[in-house]
Protein backbone atom coordinates (compact mmCIF):
# COMPACT_ATOMS: atom_id res chain seq x y z
CA MET A 1 103.04 -52.20 -21.52
CA ASN A 2 101.67 -55.33 -23.09
CA PRO A 3 99.02 -56.91 -20.79
CA SER A 4 100.59 -60.37 -21.14
CA ILE A 5 104.01 -59.09 -20.04
CA SER A 6 102.41 -57.25 -17.14
CA LEU A 7 100.56 -60.41 -16.10
CA PHE A 8 103.76 -62.47 -16.41
CA ARG A 9 105.69 -60.09 -14.18
CA SER A 10 102.86 -59.94 -11.63
CA LEU A 11 102.63 -63.73 -11.49
CA LEU A 12 106.39 -64.07 -11.00
CA ARG A 13 106.39 -61.37 -8.34
CA GLU A 14 103.63 -63.12 -6.40
CA ALA A 15 105.21 -66.56 -6.88
CA LYS A 16 108.43 -65.30 -5.29
CA LYS A 17 106.46 -64.30 -2.18
CA VAL A 18 105.31 -67.87 -1.43
CA ASP A 19 106.72 -68.94 1.93
CA ASN A 20 107.33 -72.65 1.30
CA TYR A 21 110.37 -73.42 -0.89
CA ASN A 22 108.73 -76.30 -2.77
CA PHE A 23 105.52 -74.39 -3.51
CA ARG A 24 107.51 -71.31 -4.52
CA SER A 25 109.68 -73.30 -6.95
CA TYR A 26 106.59 -75.00 -8.39
CA ALA A 27 104.75 -71.70 -8.84
CA ILE A 28 107.68 -70.03 -10.60
CA ARG A 29 108.17 -73.06 -12.85
CA ARG A 30 104.44 -73.20 -13.74
CA VAL A 31 104.32 -69.48 -14.57
CA LYS A 32 107.27 -69.75 -16.94
CA LEU A 33 106.00 -72.95 -18.54
CA GLY A 34 102.47 -71.59 -18.97
CA PHE A 35 103.71 -68.55 -20.83
CA GLN A 36 106.05 -70.62 -23.01
CA VAL A 37 103.22 -72.96 -24.01
CA ASN A 38 100.84 -70.08 -24.80
CA ARG A 39 103.43 -67.90 -26.54
CA ASN A 40 101.90 -68.17 -30.02
CA LEU A 41 98.23 -67.70 -29.16
CA ALA A 42 96.24 -64.97 -30.88
CA GLY A 43 92.72 -63.57 -30.89
CA ASN A 44 90.09 -65.15 -28.66
CA GLU A 45 92.46 -67.88 -27.47
CA ALA A 46 94.91 -65.24 -26.21
CA ASP A 47 92.11 -63.36 -24.43
CA LEU A 48 90.95 -66.58 -22.80
CA ALA A 49 94.51 -67.42 -21.70
CA LEU A 50 94.92 -63.91 -20.22
CA ARG A 51 91.68 -64.27 -18.28
CA GLU A 52 92.80 -67.65 -16.98
CA GLY A 53 96.16 -66.14 -16.04
CA GLN A 54 94.42 -63.35 -14.12
CA GLU A 55 92.38 -65.94 -12.23
CA ASN A 56 95.60 -67.80 -11.42
CA LEU A 57 97.12 -64.55 -10.16
CA ASP A 58 94.17 -64.08 -7.81
CA ILE A 59 94.56 -67.66 -6.56
CA LEU A 60 98.29 -67.15 -6.05
CA ARG A 61 97.67 -63.96 -4.08
CA ARG A 62 95.26 -65.79 -1.80
CA GLN A 63 97.78 -68.60 -1.37
CA VAL A 64 100.49 -66.11 -0.38
CA VAL A 65 98.20 -64.66 2.28
CA LEU A 66 97.35 -68.12 3.62
CA GLY A 67 101.01 -69.07 3.63
CA SER A 68 101.88 -66.01 5.65
CA LEU A 69 99.24 -66.95 8.25
CA TYR A 70 100.80 -70.40 8.71
CA PRO A 71 104.55 -70.02 8.14
CA SER A 72 106.66 -73.12 7.69
CA ALA A 73 110.22 -73.87 8.73
CA ARG A 74 112.95 -72.95 6.27
CA SER A 75 113.98 -75.72 3.91
CA VAL A 76 117.48 -77.14 3.76
CA MET A 77 117.63 -75.81 0.20
CA GLU A 78 116.97 -72.26 1.44
CA ASN A 79 119.59 -72.48 4.20
CA SER A 80 122.33 -73.35 1.73
CA ALA A 81 121.42 -70.56 -0.69
């Protein structure tokens, strides 16, 4: 599988694990937007973007762990869904 597709799926998977509704929505939106913006990169720029994406994945994983340590109340938006 293409490393960029694998990274995209991993980022989305982790973003969906975020406890807080607002942070989760923001993370999912940023992942999608980041890949749309960098869609046409090639060569060294693409490698740099993949490295940055991997760093963001690590940050997101840490944020998910921190969020699970301090859970928040469910949002009104989550209760209606």
